Amino acid sequence: MSVDMAVGTETTSDTPPTTPFTVVWSRGHAYVLEDAPGRARWVGVDDRGRPLTLTNAQLQRRGWSRTSS
């Protein structure tokens, strides 16, 4: 894992967790893993407070961390 101190985000080659209801942080927002039938997805909000869902691959590309800071 490497940490980009300039923007305070963690980038990782590891895949995000797979345990339902796990919370991770990406770009200053919390995302919760929902275990939908057939496909898990990360649910959070964008910068304007609108609902946003991400796949594991999208979350991995954006960068994520287990902590908010």
Protein backbone atom coordinates (compact mmCIF):
# COMPACT_ATOMS: atom_id res chain seq x y z
CA MET A 1 0.00 0.00 0.00
CA SER A 2 1.11 3.53 -0.64
CA VAL A 3 -0.21 6.73 0.87
CA ASP A 4 -0.52 9.94 -1.14
CA MET A 5 0.10 12.56 1.54
CA ALA A 6 -0.70 15.51 -0.75
CA VAL A 7 -4.39 14.65 -0.99
CA GLY A 8 -4.69 12.39 2.04
CA THR A 9 -5.95 9.31 0.22
CA GLU A 10 -4.66 5.80 0.29
CA THR A 11 -4.17 3.93 -2.94
CA THR A 12 -3.87 0.22 -2.89
CA SER A 13 -3.50 -2.69 -5.25
CA ASP A 14 -5.51 -4.77 -2.77
CA THR A 15 -9.14 -5.25 -3.53
CA PRO A 16 -11.70 -3.62 -1.24
CA PRO A 17 -13.19 -5.69 1.60
CA THR A 18 -16.03 -8.10 0.81
CA THR A 19 -17.81 -8.27 4.17
CA PRO A 20 -21.32 -6.74 3.92
CA PHE A 21 -21.86 -3.45 5.78
CA THR A 22 -18.13 -2.69 5.82
CA VAL A 23 -17.37 1.04 5.66
CA VAL A 24 -14.48 2.46 3.63
CA TRP A 25 -13.54 6.01 2.66
CA SER A 26 -12.81 7.41 -0.78
CA ARG A 27 -12.22 11.05 -1.71
CA GLY A 28 -13.56 12.24 1.64
CA HIS A 29 -16.80 10.24 1.55
CA ALA A 30 -17.86 7.07 3.35
CA TYR A 31 -19.10 4.09 1.34
CA VAL A 32 -20.93 1.06 2.77
CA LEU A 33 -20.89 -2.33 1.08
CA GLU A 34 -24.43 -3.51 0.35
CA ASP A 35 -24.79 -7.19 -0.38
CA ALA A 36 -27.38 -7.10 -3.16
CA PRO A 37 -28.50 -10.45 -4.57
CA GLY A 38 -26.03 -11.45 -7.27
CA ARG A 39 -23.85 -8.36 -6.96
CA ALA A 40 -22.32 -6.39 -4.13
CA ARG A 41 -22.00 -2.60 -4.48
CA TRP A 42 -20.56 0.30 -2.52
CA VAL A 43 -23.15 2.95 -1.63
CA GLY A 44 -22.40 6.53 -0.59
CA VAL A 45 -22.98 10.09 -1.74
CA ASP A 46 -21.19 12.42 -4.15
CA ASP A 47 -19.96 15.95 -3.40
CA ARG A 48 -23.52 17.30 -3.77
CA GLY A 49 -25.11 14.74 -1.46
CA ARG A 50 -26.63 12.66 -4.26
CA PRO A 51 -26.64 8.85 -3.94
CA LEU A 52 -23.68 7.18 -5.64
CA THR A 53 -23.00 3.48 -6.12
CA LEU A 54 -19.64 2.02 -7.08
CA THR A 55 -18.44 -1.44 -8.04
CA ASN A 56 -15.34 -2.93 -6.42
CA ALA A 57 -13.35 -2.04 -9.54
CA GLN A 58 -14.53 1.59 -9.52
CA LEU A 59 -13.72 1.97 -5.83
CA GLN A 60 -10.28 0.46 -6.36
CA ARG A 61 -9.53 2.90 -9.23
CA ARG A 62 -10.66 5.90 -7.12
CA GLY A 63 -8.51 4.83 -4.17
CA TRP A 64 -9.89 3.89 -0.78
CA SER A 65 -8.98 3.67 2.87
CA ARG A 66 -10.37 2.04 6.00
CA THR A 67 -10.04 5.37 7.84
CA SER A 68 -11.43 8.84 7.12
CA SER A 69 -8.13 10.65 7.48
